[in-house]
Amino acid sequence: MQELIQQLQAKAGLTTEQAAQSIEVIKEYVKGKLPPFIAGTVDNWFAGMSDKTETKKEGLLDQAGDFLENVKDKAEDWAEDAKDKVSDFFNKDKKGA
């Protein structure tokens, strides 16, 4: 996360505090646009950005790709569950008719 803060300072002229606050605003905005079952992934992604124990830091684009892949997987799971529930609903309705 420090790398992102430094880029915000260099490119946008923000102070360290402003850059950190900007990241928090962006994080909350993204979480608000996602379904609740995926929003936790945003916290994990940002937490991973500040993990100091990593020996090899991934680039921001790599981390974004991982995040989006995780979101895609969760969305596919959700869609499959929804499809099953709808199918069960209609199959139950046919049996009752």
PDB file of N, CA and C in Angstrom:
ATOM      1  N   MET A   1       0.835  -1.184   0.000  1.00  0.00           N
ATOM      2  CA  MET A   1       0.000   0.000   0.000  1.00  0.00           C
ATOM      3  C   MET A   1       0.879   1.246   0.000  1.00  0.00           C
ATOM      4  N   GLN A   2       2.049   1.110   0.583  1.00  0.00           N
ATOM      5  CA  GLN A   2       2.963   2.255   0.634  1.00  0.00           C
ATOM      6  C   GLN A   2       3.306   2.736  -0.771  1.00  0.00           C
ATOM      7  N   GLU A   3       3.459   1.802  -1.687  1.00  0.00           N
ATOM      8  CA  GLU A   3       3.771   2.170  -3.074  1.00  0.00           C
ATOM      9  C   GLU A   3       2.661   3.031  -3.677  1.00  0.00           C
ATOM     10  N   LEU A   4       1.417   2.666  -3.410  1.00  0.00           N
ATOM     11  CA  LEU A   4       0.282   3.436  -3.920  1.00  0.00           C
ATOM     12  C   LEU A   4       0.243   4.821  -3.270  1.00  0.00           C
ATOM     13  N   ILE A   5       0.506   4.879  -1.984  1.00  0.00           N
ATOM     14  CA  ILE A   5       0.545   6.176  -1.288  1.00  0.00           C
ATOM     15  C   ILE A   5       1.626   7.064  -1.901  1.00  0.00           C
ATOM     16  N   GLN A   6       2.786   6.479  -2.167  1.00  0.00           N
ATOM     17  CA  GLN A   6       3.875   7.254  -2.768  1.00  0.00           C
ATOM     18  C   GLN A   6       3.508   7.758  -4.162  1.00  0.00           C
ATOM     19  N   GLN A   7       2.812   6.931  -4.929  1.00  0.00           N
ATOM     20  CA  GLN A   7       2.394   7.366  -6.264  1.00  0.00           C
ATOM     21  C   GLN A   7       1.376   8.498  -6.176  1.00  0.00           C
ATOM     22  N   LEU A   8       0.453   8.411  -5.233  1.00  0.00           N
ATOM     23  CA  LEU A   8      -0.516   9.495  -5.056  1.00  0.00           C
ATOM     24  C   LEU A   8       0.183  10.784  -4.628  1.00  0.00           C
ATOM     25  N   GLN A   9       1.194  10.670  -3.809  1.00  0.00           N
ATOM     26  CA  GLN A   9       1.950  11.855  -3.394  1.00  0.00           C
ATOM     27  C   GLN A   9       2.684  12.464  -4.590  1.00  0.00           C
ATOM     28  N   ALA A  10       3.336  11.613  -5.371  1.00  0.00           N
ATOM     29  CA  ALA A  10       4.136  12.108  -6.495  1.00  0.00           C
ATOM     30  C   ALA A  10       3.276  12.641  -7.635  1.00  0.00           C
ATOM     31  N   LYS A  11       2.230  11.906  -7.985  1.00  0.00           N
ATOM     32  CA  LYS A  11       1.441  12.265  -9.171  1.00  0.00           C
ATOM     33  C   LYS A  11       0.319  13.251  -8.898  1.00  0.00           C
ATOM     34  N   ALA A  12      -0.224  13.216  -7.672  1.00  0.00           N
ATOM     35  CA  ALA A  12      -1.347  14.107  -7.371  1.00  0.00           C
ATOM     36  C   ALA A  12      -0.972  15.198  -6.369  1.00  0.00           C
ATOM     37  N   GLY A  13       0.257  15.145  -5.877  1.00  0.00           N
ATOM     38  CA  GLY A  13       0.695  16.173  -4.939  1.00  0.00           C
ATOM     39  C   GLY A  13       0.019  16.094  -3.586  1.00  0.00           C
ATOM     40  N   LEU A  14      -0.411  14.910  -3.183  1.00  0.00           N
ATOM     41  CA  LEU A  14      -1.099  14.743  -1.905  1.00  0.00           C
ATOM     42  C   LEU A  14      -0.093  14.531  -0.780  1.00  0.00           C
ATOM     43  N   THR A  15      -0.505  14.886   0.431  1.00  0.00           N
ATOM     44  CA  THR A  15       0.297  14.541   1.605  1.00  0.00           C
ATOM     45  C   THR A  15       0.095  13.060   1.891  1.00  0.00           C
ATOM     46  N   THR A  16       0.900  12.516   2.774  1.00  0.00           N
ATOM     47  CA  THR A  16       0.754  11.108   3.152  1.00  0.00           C
ATOM     48  C   THR A  16      -0.644  10.847   3.708  1.00  0.00           C
ATOM     49  N   GLU A  17      -1.118  11.736   4.555  1.00  0.00           N
ATOM     50  CA  GLU A  17      -2.445  11.584   5.153  1.00  0.00           C
ATOM     51  C   GLU A  17      -3.542  11.658   4.093  1.00  0.00           C
ATOM     52  N   GLN A  18      -3.425  12.601   3.173  1.00  0.00           N
ATOM     53  CA  GLN A  18      -4.419  12.737   2.104  1.00  0.00           C
ATOM     54  C   GLN A  18      -4.424  11.498   1.209  1.00  0.00           C
ATOM     55  N   ALA A  19      -3.250  10.988   0.905  1.00  0.00           N
ATOM     56  CA  ALA A  19      -3.161   9.800   0.057  1.00  0.00           C
ATOM     57  C   ALA A  19      -3.800   8.599   0.747  1.00  0.00           C
ATOM     58  N   ALA A  20      -3.499   8.406   2.022  1.00  0.00           N
ATOM     59  CA  ALA A  20      -4.082   7.289   2.773  1.00  0.00           C
ATOM     60  C   ALA A  20      -5.601   7.433   2.856  1.00  0.00           C
ATOM     61  N   GLN A  21      -6.073   8.647   3.085  1.00  0.00           N
ATOM     62  CA  GLN A  21      -7.513   8.884   3.159  1.00  0.00           C
ATOM     63  C   GLN A  21      -8.163   8.648   1.795  1.00  0.00           C
ATOM     64  N   SER A  22      -7.497   9.029   0.721  1.00  0.00           N
ATOM     65  CA  SER A  22      -8.015   8.791  -0.625  1.00  0.00           C
ATOM     66  C   SER A  22      -8.188   7.297  -0.886  1.00  0.00           C
ATOM     67  N   ILE A  23      -7.214   6.530  -0.455  1.00  0.00           N
ATOM     68  CA  ILE A  23      -7.297   5.077  -0.641  1.00  0.00           C
ATOM     69  C   ILE A  23      -8.492   4.515   0.118  1.00  0.00           C
ATOM     70  N   GLU A  24      -8.710   4.998   1.342  1.00  0.00           N
ATOM     71  CA  GLU A  24      -9.859   4.540   2.127  1.00  0.00           C
ATOM     72  C   GLU A  24     -11.176   4.886   1.436  1.00  0.00           C
ATOM     73  N   VAL A  25     -11.265   6.085   0.882  1.00  0.00           N
ATOM     74  CA  VAL A  25     -12.480   6.508   0.177  1.00  0.00           C
ATOM     75  C   VAL A  25     -12.724   5.606  -1.032  1.00  0.00           C
ATOM     76  N   ILE A  26     -11.678   5.337  -1.783  1.00  0.00           N
ATOM     77  CA  ILE A  26     -11.794   4.469  -2.960  1.00  0.00           C
ATOM     78  C   ILE A  26     -12.216   3.071  -2.544  1.00  0.00           C
ATOM     79  N   LYS A  27     -11.601   2.554  -1.482  1.00  0.00           N
ATOM     80  CA  LYS A  27     -11.939   1.218  -0.997  1.00  0.00           C
ATOM     81  C   LYS A  27     -13.418   1.134  -0.614  1.00  0.00           C
ATOM     82  N   GLU A  28     -13.904   2.104   0.139  1.00  0.00           N
ATOM     83  CA  GLU A  28     -15.312   2.106   0.556  1.00  0.00           C
ATOM     84  C   GLU A  28     -16.249   2.275  -0.642  1.00  0.00           C
ATOM     85  N   TYR A  29     -15.841   3.074  -1.617  1.00  0.00           N
ATOM     86  CA  TYR A  29     -16.650   3.267  -2.825  1.00  0.00           C
ATOM     87  C   TYR A  29     -16.784   1.942  -3.580  1.00  0.00           C
ATOM     88  N   VAL A  30     -15.672   1.267  -3.784  1.00  0.00           N
ATOM     89  CA  VAL A  30     -15.697  -0.006  -4.510  1.00  0.00           C
ATOM     90  C   VAL A  30     -16.545  -1.016  -3.753  1.00  0.00           C
ATOM     91  N   LYS A  31     -16.374  -1.100  -2.429  1.00  0.00           N
ATOM     92  CA  LYS A  31     -17.169  -2.035  -1.629  1.00  0.00           C
ATOM     93  C   LYS A  31     -18.663  -1.743  -1.764  1.00  0.00           C
ATOM     94  N   GLY A  32     -19.016  -0.469  -1.833  1.00  0.00           N
ATOM     95  CA  GLY A  32     -20.417  -0.092  -1.950  1.00  0.00           C
ATOM     96  C   GLY A  32     -21.041  -0.456  -3.295  1.00  0.00           C
ATOM     97  N   LYS A  33     -20.214  -0.654  -4.299  1.00  0.00           N
ATOM     98  CA  LYS A  33     -20.709  -0.987  -5.632  1.00  0.00           C
ATOM     99  C   LYS A  33     -20.804  -2.499  -5.858  1.00  0.00           C
ATOM    100  N   LEU A  34     -20.308  -3.284  -4.919  1.00  0.00           N
ATOM    101  CA  LEU A  34     -20.290  -4.735  -5.078  1.00  0.00           C
ATOM    102  C   LEU A  34     -21.351  -5.380  -4.199  1.00  0.00           C
ATOM    103  N   PRO A  35     -21.818  -6.552  -4.589  1.00  0.00           N
ATOM    104  CA  PRO A  35     -22.726  -7.286  -3.701  1.00  0.00           C
ATOM    105  C   PRO A  35     -22.018  -7.601  -2.376  1.00  0.00           C
ATOM    106  N   PRO A  36     -22.768  -7.678  -1.288  1.00  0.00           N
ATOM    107  CA  PRO A  36     -22.151  -7.883   0.031  1.00  0.00           C
ATOM    108  C   PRO A  36     -21.234  -9.100   0.112  1.00  0.00           C
ATOM    109  N   PHE A  37     -21.579 -10.178  -0.585  1.00  0.00           N
ATOM    110  CA  PHE A  37     -20.757 -11.382  -0.485  1.00  0.00           C
ATOM    111  C   PHE A  37     -19.402 -11.219  -1.170  1.00  0.00           C
ATOM    112  N   ILE A  38     -19.237 -10.194  -1.968  1.00  0.00           N
ATOM    113  CA  ILE A  38     -17.960  -9.941  -2.643  1.00  0.00           C
ATOM    114  C   ILE A  38     -17.209  -8.796  -1.975  1.00  0.00           C
ATOM    115  N   ALA A  39     -17.918  -7.928  -1.281  1.00  0.00           N
ATOM    116  CA  ALA A  39     -17.302  -6.725  -0.702  1.00  0.00           C
ATOM    117  C   ALA A  39     -16.136  -7.054   0.226  1.00  0.00           C
ATOM    118  N   GLY A  40     -16.204  -8.170   0.931  1.00  0.00           N
ATOM    119  CA  GLY A  40     -15.107  -8.554   1.818  1.00  0.00           C
ATOM    120  C   GLY A  40     -13.812  -8.786   1.073  1.00  0.00           C
ATOM    121  N   THR A  41     -13.918  -9.138  -0.186  1.00  0.00           N
ATOM    122  CA  THR A  41     -12.735  -9.362  -1.003  1.00  0.00           C
ATOM    123  C   THR A  41     -11.929  -8.071  -1.149  1.00  0.00           C
ATOM    124  N   VAL A  42     -12.622  -6.952  -1.178  1.00  0.00           N
ATOM    125  CA  VAL A  42     -11.944  -5.659  -1.289  1.00  0.00           C
ATOM    126  C   VAL A  42     -11.052  -5.444  -0.067  1.00  0.00           C
ATOM    127  N   ASP A  43     -11.587  -5.737   1.125  1.00  0.00           N
ATOM    128  CA  ASP A  43     -10.782  -5.600   2.347  1.00  0.00           C
ATOM    129  C   ASP A  43      -9.556  -6.497   2.277  1.00  0.00           C
ATOM    130  N   ASN A  44      -9.753  -7.729   1.824  1.00  0.00           N
ATOM    131  CA  ASN A  44      -8.636  -8.672   1.715  1.00  0.00           C
ATOM    132  C   ASN A  44      -7.584  -8.166   0.727  1.00  0.00           C
ATOM    133  N   TRP A  45      -8.042  -7.621  -0.375  1.00  0.00           N
ATOM    134  CA  TRP A  45      -7.124  -7.132  -1.394  1.00  0.00           C
ATOM    135  C   TRP A  45      -6.289  -5.975  -0.855  1.00  0.00           C
ATOM    136  N   PHE A  46      -6.957  -5.017  -0.209  1.00  0.00           N
ATOM    137  CA  PHE A  46      -6.233  -3.879   0.340  1.00  0.00           C
ATOM    138  C   PHE A  46      -5.335  -4.307   1.497  1.00  0.00           C
ATOM    139  N   ALA A  47      -5.785  -5.264   2.298  1.00  0.00           N
ATOM    140  CA  ALA A  47      -4.947  -5.767   3.387  1.00  0.00           C
ATOM    141  C   ALA A  47      -3.702  -6.436   2.812  1.00  0.00           C
ATOM    142  N   GLY A  48      -3.868  -7.153   1.716  1.00  0.00           N
ATOM    143  CA  GLY A  48      -2.735  -7.793   1.071  1.00  0.00           C
ATOM    144  C   GLY A  48      -1.735  -6.788   0.532  1.00  0.00           C
ATOM    145  N   MET A  49      -2.219  -5.619   0.155  1.00  0.00           N
ATOM    146  CA  MET A  49      -1.329  -4.582  -0.358  1.00  0.00           C
ATOM    147  C   MET A  49      -0.386  -4.075   0.731  1.00  0.00           C
ATOM    148  N   SER A  50      -0.837  -4.098   1.979  1.00  0.00           N
ATOM    149  CA  SER A  50      -0.008  -3.557   3.054  1.00  0.00           C
ATOM    150  C   SER A  50       0.698  -4.654   3.840  1.00  0.00           C
ATOM    151  N   ASP A  51       0.599  -5.892   3.385  1.00  0.00           N
ATOM    152  CA  ASP A  51       1.243  -7.001   4.071  1.00  0.00           C
ATOM    153  C   ASP A  51       2.755  -6.875   3.941  1.00  0.00           C
ATOM    154  N   LYS A  52       3.429  -6.650   5.041  1.00  0.00           N
ATOM    155  CA  LYS A  52       4.879  -6.424   5.028  1.00  0.00           C
ATOM    156  C   LYS A  52       5.669  -7.724   4.995  1.00  0.00           C
ATOM    157  N   THR A  53       5.008  -8.877   5.223  1.00  0.00           N
ATOM    158  CA  THR A  53       5.737 -10.135   5.289  1.00  0.00           C
ATOM    159  C   THR A  53       5.976 -10.745   3.916  1.00  0.00           C
ATOM    160  N   GLU A  54       5.391 -10.163   2.901  1.00  0.00           N
ATOM    161  CA  GLU A  54       5.590 -10.688   1.549  1.00  0.00           C
ATOM    162  C   GLU A  54       7.050 -10.520   1.151  1.00  0.00           C
ATOM    163  N   THR A  55       7.625 -11.591   0.632  1.00  0.00           N
ATOM    164  CA  THR A  55       8.997 -11.471   0.163  1.00  0.00           C
ATOM    165  C   THR A  55       9.029 -10.916  -1.246  1.00  0.00           C
ATOM    166  N   LYS A  56       8.070 -11.293  -2.038  1.00  0.00           N
ATOM    167  CA  LYS A  56       8.003 -10.799  -3.408  1.00  0.00           C
ATOM    168  C   LYS A  56       6.721  -9.990  -3.548  1.00  0.00           C
ATOM    169  N   LYS A  57       6.848  -8.712  -3.728  1.00  0.00           N
ATOM    170  CA  LYS A  57       5.688  -7.852  -3.912  1.00  0.00           C
ATOM    171  C   LYS A  57       5.181  -7.979  -5.335  1.00  0.00           C
ATOM    172  N   GLU A  58       3.897  -8.211  -5.435  1.00  0.00           N
ATOM    173  CA  GLU A  58       3.294  -8.209  -6.754  1.00  0.00           C
ATOM    174  C   GLU A  58       3.035  -6.769  -7.159  1.00  0.00           C
ATOM    175  N   GLY A  59       2.996  -6.526  -8.443  1.00  0.00           N
ATOM    176  CA  GLY A  59       2.660  -5.207  -8.928  1.00  0.00           C
ATOM    177  C   GLY A  59       1.177  -4.932  -8.732  1.00  0.00           C
ATOM    178  N   LEU A  60       0.817  -3.681  -8.762  1.00  0.00           N
ATOM    179  CA  LEU A  60      -0.569  -3.279  -8.567  1.00  0.00           C
ATOM    180  C   LEU A  60      -1.473  -3.922  -9.613  1.00  0.00           C
ATOM    181  N   LEU A  61      -1.014  -4.009 -10.854  1.00  0.00           N
ATOM    182  CA  LEU A  61      -1.839  -4.626 -11.894  1.00  0.00           C
ATOM    183  C   LEU A  61      -2.032  -6.113 -11.637  1.00  0.00           C
ATOM    184  N   ASP A  62      -1.015  -6.798 -11.136  1.00  0.00           N
ATOM    185  CA  ASP A  62      -1.148  -8.208 -10.783  1.00  0.00           C
ATOM    186  C   ASP A  62      -2.173  -8.379  -9.668  1.00  0.00           C
ATOM    187  N   GLN A  63      -2.094  -7.525  -8.664  1.00  0.00           N
ATOM    188  CA  GLN A  63      -3.035  -7.602  -7.552  1.00  0.00           C
ATOM    189  C   GLN A  63      -4.451  -7.303  -8.021  1.00  0.00           C
ATOM    190  N   ALA A  64      -4.611  -6.331  -8.901  1.00  0.00           N
ATOM    191  CA  ALA A  64      -5.930  -6.012  -9.435  1.00  0.00           C
ATOM    192  C   ALA A  64      -6.469  -7.199 -10.233  1.00  0.00           C
ATOM    193  N   GLY A  65      -5.609  -7.835 -11.008  1.00  0.00           N
ATOM    194  CA  GLY A  65      -6.024  -9.014 -11.770  1.00  0.00           C
ATOM    195  C   GLY A  65      -6.471 -10.136 -10.855  1.00  0.00           C
ATOM    196  N   ASP A  66      -5.728 -10.369  -9.777  1.00  0.00           N
ATOM    197  CA  ASP A  66      -6.110 -11.397  -8.801  1.00  0.00           C
ATOM    198  C   ASP A  66      -7.448 -11.059  -8.170  1.00  0.00           C
ATOM    199  N   PHE A  67      -7.612  -9.793  -7.805  1.00  0.00           N
ATOM    200  CA  PHE A  67      -8.868  -9.347  -7.193  1.00  0.00           C
ATOM    201  C   PHE A  67     -10.044  -9.580  -8.146  1.00  0.00           C
ATOM    202  N   LEU A  68      -9.888  -9.177  -9.390  1.00  0.00           N
ATOM    203  CA  LEU A  68     -10.975  -9.336 -10.354  1.00  0.00           C
ATOM    204  C   LEU A  68     -11.263 -10.807 -10.635  1.00  0.00           C
ATOM    205  N   GLU A  69     -10.243 -11.632 -10.654  1.00  0.00           N
ATOM    206  CA  GLU A  69     -10.443 -13.075 -10.846  1.00  0.00           C
ATOM    207  C   GLU A  69     -11.243 -13.651  -9.689  1.00  0.00           C
ATOM    208  N   ASN A  70     -10.931 -13.211  -8.474  1.00  0.00           N
ATOM    209  CA  ASN A  70     -11.667 -13.669  -7.302  1.00  0.00           C
ATOM    210  C   ASN A  70     -13.121 -13.209  -7.361  1.00  0.00           C
ATOM    211  N   VAL A  71     -13.340 -11.970  -7.758  1.00  0.00           N
ATOM    212  CA  VAL A  71     -14.699 -11.446  -7.897  1.00  0.00           C
ATOM    213  C   VAL A  71     -15.457 -12.254  -8.952  1.00  0.00           C
ATOM    214  N   LYS A  72     -14.806 -12.539 -10.065  1.00  0.00           N
ATOM    215  CA  LYS A  72     -15.433 -13.313 -11.137  1.00  0.00           C
ATOM    216  C   LYS A  72     -15.836 -14.696 -10.632  1.00  0.00           C
ATOM    217  N   ASP A  73     -14.937 -15.347  -9.905  1.00  0.00           N
ATOM    218  CA  ASP A  73     -15.239 -16.680  -9.367  1.00  0.00           C
ATOM    219  C   ASP A  73     -16.429 -16.639  -8.425  1.00  0.00           C
ATOM    220  N   LYS A  74     -16.452 -15.647  -7.538  1.00  0.00           N
ATOM    221  CA  LYS A  74     -17.569 -15.536  -6.593  1.00  0.00           C
ATOM    222  C   LYS A  74     -18.874 -15.220  -7.319  1.00  0.00           C
ATOM    223  N   ALA A  75     -18.815 -14.383  -8.334  1.00  0.00           N
ATOM    224  CA  ALA A  75     -20.016 -14.054  -9.101  1.00  0.00           C
ATOM    225  C   ALA A  75     -20.534 -15.284  -9.841  1.00  0.00           C
ATOM    226  N   GLU A  76     -19.631 -16.090 -10.377  1.00  0.00           N
ATOM    227  CA  GLU A  76     -20.056 -17.320 -11.054  1.00  0.00           C
ATOM    228  C   GLU A  76     -20.713 -18.277 -10.067  1.00  0.00           C
ATOM    229  N   ASP A  77     -20.140 -18.390  -8.872  1.00  0.00           N
ATOM    230  CA  ASP A  77     -20.738 -19.244  -7.840  1.00  0.00           C
ATOM    231  C   ASP A  77     -22.130 -18.745  -7.475  1.00  0.00           C
ATOM    232  N   TRP A  78     -22.259 -17.430  -7.306  1.00  0.00           N
ATOM    233  CA  TRP A  78     -23.548 -16.843  -6.952  1.00  0.00           C
ATOM    234  C   TRP A  78     -24.568 -17.094  -8.061  1.00  0.00           C
ATOM    235  N   ALA A  79     -24.153 -16.922  -9.307  1.00  0.00           N
ATOM    236  CA  ALA A  79     -25.055 -17.135 -10.438  1.00  0.00           C
ATOM    237  C   ALA A  79     -25.492 -18.595 -10.509  1.00  0.00           C
ATOM    238  N   GLU A  80     -24.583 -19.513 -10.258  1.00  0.00           N
ATOM    239  CA  GLU A  80     -24.921 -20.937 -10.277  1.00  0.00           C
ATOM    240  C   GLU A  80     -25.915 -21.266  -9.163  1.00  0.00           C
ATOM    241  N   ASP A  81     -25.693 -20.710  -7.972  1.00  0.00           N
ATOM    242  CA  ASP A  81     -26.638 -20.918  -6.864  1.00  0.00           C
ATOM    243  C   ASP A  81     -28.011 -20.354  -7.202  1.00  0.00           C
ATOM    244  N   ALA A  82     -28.035 -19.159  -7.793  1.00  0.00           N
ATOM    245  CA  ALA A  82     -29.310 -18.541  -8.167  1.00  0.00           C
ATOM    246  C   ALA A  82     -30.032 -19.389  -9.212  1.00  0.00           C
ATOM    247  N   LYS A  83     -29.296 -19.892 -10.187  1.00  0.00           N
ATOM    248  CA  LYS A  83     -29.883 -20.741 -11.220  1.00  0.00           C
ATOM    249  C   LYS A  83     -30.485 -21.997 -10.602  1.00  0.00           C
ATOM    250  N   ASP A  84     -29.768 -22.608  -9.678  1.00  0.00           N
ATOM    251  CA  ASP A  84     -30.278 -23.809  -9.012  1.00  0.00           C
ATOM    252  C   ASP A  84     -31.556 -23.510  -8.235  1.00  0.00           C
ATOM    253  N   LYS A  85     -31.591 -22.398  -7.547  1.00  0.00           N
ATOM    254  CA  LYS A  85     -32.776 -22.043  -6.766  1.00  0.00           C
ATOM    255  C   LYS A  85     -33.981 -21.783  -7.666  1.00  0.00           C
ATOM    256  N   VAL A  86     -33.740 -21.091  -8.774  1.00  0.00           N
ATOM    257  CA  VAL A  86     -34.838 -20.826  -9.714  1.00  0.00           C
ATOM    258  C   VAL A  86     -35.330 -22.140 -10.318  1.00  0.00           C
ATOM    259  N   SER A  87     -34.408 -23.004 -10.691  1.00  0.00           N
ATOM    260  CA  SER A  87     -34.790 -24.307 -11.258  1.00  0.00           C
ATOM    261  C   SER A  87     -35.581 -25.113 -10.245  1.00  0.00           C
ATOM    262  N   ASP A  88     -35.123 -25.135  -9.000  1.00  0.00           N
ATOM    263  CA  ASP A  88     -35.844 -25.859  -7.953  1.00  0.00           C
ATOM    264  C   ASP A  88     -37.237 -25.290  -7.759  1.00  0.00           C
ATOM    265  N   PHE A  89     -37.358 -23.982  -7.804  1.00  0.00           N
ATOM    266  CA  PHE A  89     -38.649 -23.337  -7.630  1.00  0.00           C
ATOM    267  C   PHE A  89     -39.626 -23.773  -8.716  1.00  0.00           C
ATOM    268  N   PHE A  90     -39.175 -23.732  -9.964  1.00  0.00           N
ATOM    269  CA  PHE A  90     -40.059 -24.098 -11.061  1.00  0.00           C
ATOM    270  C   PHE A  90     -40.325 -25.598 -11.099  1.00  0.00           C
ATOM    271  N   ASN A  91     -39.365 -26.408 -10.739  1.00  0.00           N
ATOM    272  CA  ASN A  91     -39.580 -27.853 -10.699  1.00  0.00           C
ATOM    273  C   ASN A  91     -40.553 -28.218  -9.601  1.00  0.00           C
ATOM    274  N   LYS A  92     -40.482 -27.553  -8.467  1.00  0.00           N
ATOM    275  CA  LYS A  92     -41.407 -27.790  -7.362  1.00  0.00           C
ATOM    276  C   LYS A  92     -42.810 -27.371  -7.781  1.00  0.00           C
ATOM    277  N   ASP A  93     -42.892 -26.258  -8.525  1.00  0.00           N
ATOM    278  CA  ASP A  93     -44.188 -25.755  -8.990  1.00  0.00           C
ATOM    279  C   ASP A  93     -44.822 -26.735  -9.969  1.00  0.00           C
ATOM    280  N   LYS A  94     -44.036 -27.372 -10.844  1.00  0.00           N
ATOM    281  CA  LYS A  94     -44.562 -28.343 -11.805  1.00  0.00           C
ATOM    282  C   LYS A  94     -45.053 -29.594 -11.109  1.00  0.00           C
ATOM    283  N   LYS A  95     -44.381 -30.022 -10.054  1.00  0.00           N
ATOM    284  CA  LYS A  95     -44.786 -31.222  -9.332  1.00  0.00           C
ATOM    285  C   LYS A  95     -46.105 -31.001  -8.605  1.00  0.00           C
ATOM    286  N   GLY A  96     -46.341 -29.776  -8.169  1.00  0.00           N
ATOM    287  CA  GLY A  96     -47.559 -29.448  -7.452  1.00  0.00           C
ATOM    288  C   GLY A  96     -48.753 -29.259  -8.359  1.00  0.00           C
ATOM    289  N   ALA A  97     -48.532 -29.068  -9.660  1.00  0.00           N
ATOM    290  CA  ALA A  97     -49.626 -28.783 -10.599  1.00  0.00           C
ATOM    291  C   ALA A  97     -50.340 -30.024 -11.047  1.00  0.00           C
TER     292      ALA A  97
END
